[in-house]
Amino acid sequence: MQTCISAIFSGAKTGDTLNLRETFLVPKEATKSIRPALSVASERPHFLLFQLEKD
């Protein structure tokens, strides 16, 4: 299992499949409403977003 940083330097090519694992610490109060969203490098600067549920 790789992290996002190790995957950058892995030599992966277009079409390759990578297994990634990342760990994030968030306040306990946020765990019921937080929704992580991940995008790819070509979509930067929106590469990682944490979206809160709308009321």
N, C-alpha and C. Protein backbone atom coordinates (compact mmCIF):
# COMPACT_ATOMS: atom_id res chain seq x y z
N MET A 1 0.85 -1.17 0.00
CA MET A 1 0.00 0.00 0.00
C MET A 1 0.90 1.24 0.00
N GLN A 2 0.59 2.19 -0.84
CA GLN A 2 1.37 3.41 -0.94
C GLN A 2 0.59 4.59 -0.37
N THR A 3 1.32 5.65 -0.08
CA THR A 3 0.68 6.92 0.26
C THR A 3 0.66 7.75 -1.02
N CYS A 4 -0.04 8.86 -0.99
CA CYS A 4 -0.08 9.73 -2.17
C CYS A 4 1.32 10.19 -2.55
N ILE A 5 2.14 10.53 -1.57
CA ILE A 5 3.50 11.01 -1.85
C ILE A 5 4.34 9.92 -2.49
N SER A 6 4.31 8.71 -1.95
CA SER A 6 5.12 7.64 -2.54
C SER A 6 4.62 7.29 -3.94
N ALA A 7 3.32 7.42 -4.18
CA ALA A 7 2.76 7.13 -5.50
C ALA A 7 3.26 8.12 -6.55
N ILE A 8 3.48 9.37 -6.14
CA ILE A 8 3.99 10.38 -7.07
C ILE A 8 5.31 9.93 -7.68
N PHE A 9 6.15 9.31 -6.86
CA PHE A 9 7.50 8.92 -7.29
C PHE A 9 7.60 7.44 -7.66
N SER A 10 6.47 6.76 -7.84
CA SER A 10 6.48 5.32 -8.10
C SER A 10 6.76 4.96 -9.55
N GLY A 11 6.67 5.93 -10.44
CA GLY A 11 6.87 5.62 -11.86
C GLY A 11 5.61 5.11 -12.53
N ALA A 12 4.47 5.23 -11.88
CA ALA A 12 3.21 4.76 -12.45
C ALA A 12 2.91 5.51 -13.75
N LYS A 13 2.34 4.79 -14.68
CA LYS A 13 1.99 5.35 -15.98
C LYS A 13 0.48 5.43 -16.12
N THR A 14 0.00 6.20 -17.09
CA THR A 14 -1.42 6.31 -17.38
C THR A 14 -2.01 4.91 -17.54
N GLY A 15 -3.11 4.66 -16.87
CA GLY A 15 -3.78 3.36 -16.94
C GLY A 15 -3.37 2.39 -15.85
N ASP A 16 -2.27 2.67 -15.13
CA ASP A 16 -1.85 1.80 -14.03
C ASP A 16 -2.85 1.90 -12.88
N THR A 17 -2.96 0.85 -12.11
CA THR A 17 -3.80 0.83 -10.92
C THR A 17 -2.90 0.91 -9.70
N LEU A 18 -3.22 1.83 -8.80
CA LEU A 18 -2.46 1.99 -7.56
C LEU A 18 -3.39 1.81 -6.38
N ASN A 19 -2.89 1.20 -5.33
CA ASN A 19 -3.61 1.11 -4.07
C ASN A 19 -3.00 2.13 -3.13
N LEU A 20 -3.80 3.07 -2.67
CA LEU A 20 -3.32 4.15 -1.82
C LEU A 20 -3.99 4.11 -0.46
N ARG A 21 -3.25 4.57 0.54
CA ARG A 21 -3.82 4.69 1.88
C ARG A 21 -3.28 5.98 2.49
N GLU A 22 -4.16 6.79 3.03
CA GLU A 22 -3.77 8.00 3.74
C GLU A 22 -4.52 8.04 5.07
N THR A 23 -3.94 8.72 6.02
CA THR A 23 -4.54 8.88 7.34
C THR A 23 -4.73 10.36 7.62
N PHE A 24 -5.90 10.73 8.12
CA PHE A 24 -6.20 12.11 8.46
C PHE A 24 -6.79 12.15 9.86
N LEU A 25 -6.39 13.16 10.60
CA LEU A 25 -6.96 13.38 11.92
C LEU A 25 -7.97 14.52 11.83
N VAL A 26 -9.18 14.25 12.29
CA VAL A 26 -10.23 15.27 12.30
C VAL A 26 -10.87 15.30 13.68
N PRO A 27 -11.45 16.42 14.07
CA PRO A 27 -12.12 16.48 15.36
C PRO A 27 -13.26 15.46 15.43
N LYS A 28 -13.43 14.82 16.57
CA LYS A 28 -14.48 13.82 16.73
C LYS A 28 -15.86 14.36 16.37
N GLU A 29 -16.09 15.63 16.69
CA GLU A 29 -17.40 16.24 16.41
C GLU A 29 -17.69 16.28 14.92
N ALA A 30 -16.68 16.25 14.09
CA ALA A 30 -16.87 16.38 12.64
C ALA A 30 -17.09 15.03 11.95
N THR A 31 -16.88 13.93 12.64
CA THR A 31 -16.89 12.63 11.96
C THR A 31 -18.26 12.24 11.39
N LYS A 32 -19.34 12.76 11.93
CA LYS A 32 -20.66 12.40 11.39
C LYS A 32 -21.04 13.23 10.17
N SER A 33 -20.37 14.34 9.97
CA SER A 33 -20.78 15.23 8.88
C SER A 33 -19.72 15.44 7.81
N ILE A 34 -18.53 14.93 8.00
CA ILE A 34 -17.47 15.18 7.03
C ILE A 34 -17.53 14.15 5.89
N ARG A 35 -17.28 14.62 4.67
CA ARG A 35 -17.27 13.75 3.50
C ARG A 35 -15.99 14.03 2.71
N PRO A 36 -15.00 13.16 2.79
CA PRO A 36 -13.79 13.40 2.01
C PRO A 36 -14.07 13.19 0.52
N ALA A 37 -13.47 14.03 -0.30
CA ALA A 37 -13.59 13.90 -1.76
C ALA A 37 -12.18 13.99 -2.34
N LEU A 38 -11.83 13.08 -3.21
CA LEU A 38 -10.50 13.01 -3.77
C LEU A 38 -10.56 13.19 -5.27
N SER A 39 -9.66 13.96 -5.83
CA SER A 39 -9.57 14.10 -7.28
C SER A 39 -8.13 13.84 -7.71
N VAL A 40 -7.88 13.86 -8.99
CA VAL A 40 -6.56 13.53 -9.51
C VAL A 40 -5.76 14.79 -9.83
N ALA A 41 -4.47 14.60 -10.09
CA ALA A 41 -3.55 15.72 -10.28
C ALA A 41 -4.02 16.71 -11.34
N SER A 42 -4.63 16.23 -12.39
CA SER A 42 -5.06 17.13 -13.47
C SER A 42 -6.15 18.08 -13.02
N GLU A 43 -6.76 17.82 -11.86
CA GLU A 43 -7.82 18.68 -11.34
C GLU A 43 -7.33 19.66 -10.29
N ARG A 44 -6.03 19.67 -10.02
CA ARG A 44 -5.51 20.58 -9.00
C ARG A 44 -5.78 22.01 -9.36
N PRO A 45 -5.99 22.91 -8.44
CA PRO A 45 -5.64 22.82 -7.02
C PRO A 45 -6.71 22.16 -6.16
N HIS A 46 -7.73 21.60 -6.72
CA HIS A 46 -8.81 20.97 -5.94
C HIS A 46 -8.54 19.48 -5.79
N PHE A 47 -7.34 19.13 -5.30
CA PHE A 47 -6.95 17.73 -5.25
C PHE A 47 -7.51 16.98 -4.05
N LEU A 48 -7.84 17.68 -2.99
CA LEU A 48 -8.43 17.02 -1.83
C LEU A 48 -9.36 18.00 -1.13
N LEU A 49 -10.61 17.63 -1.02
CA LEU A 49 -11.60 18.51 -0.40
C LEU A 49 -12.31 17.77 0.71
N PHE A 50 -12.57 18.42 1.80
CA PHE A 50 -13.41 17.88 2.84
C PHE A 50 -14.69 18.70 2.82
N GLN A 51 -15.77 18.07 2.45
CA GLN A 51 -17.04 18.76 2.29
C GLN A 51 -17.95 18.45 3.47
N LEU A 52 -18.51 19.47 4.06
CA LEU A 52 -19.48 19.27 5.13
C LEU A 52 -20.87 19.14 4.54
N GLU A 53 -21.69 18.30 5.18
CA GLU A 53 -23.07 18.14 4.71
C GLU A 53 -23.80 19.46 4.81
N LYS A 54 -24.67 19.72 3.83
CA LYS A 54 -25.49 20.93 3.88
C LYS A 54 -26.76 20.65 4.66
N ASP A 55 -27.19 21.64 5.43
CA ASP A 55 -28.41 21.46 6.23
C ASP A 55 -29.63 21.44 5.35
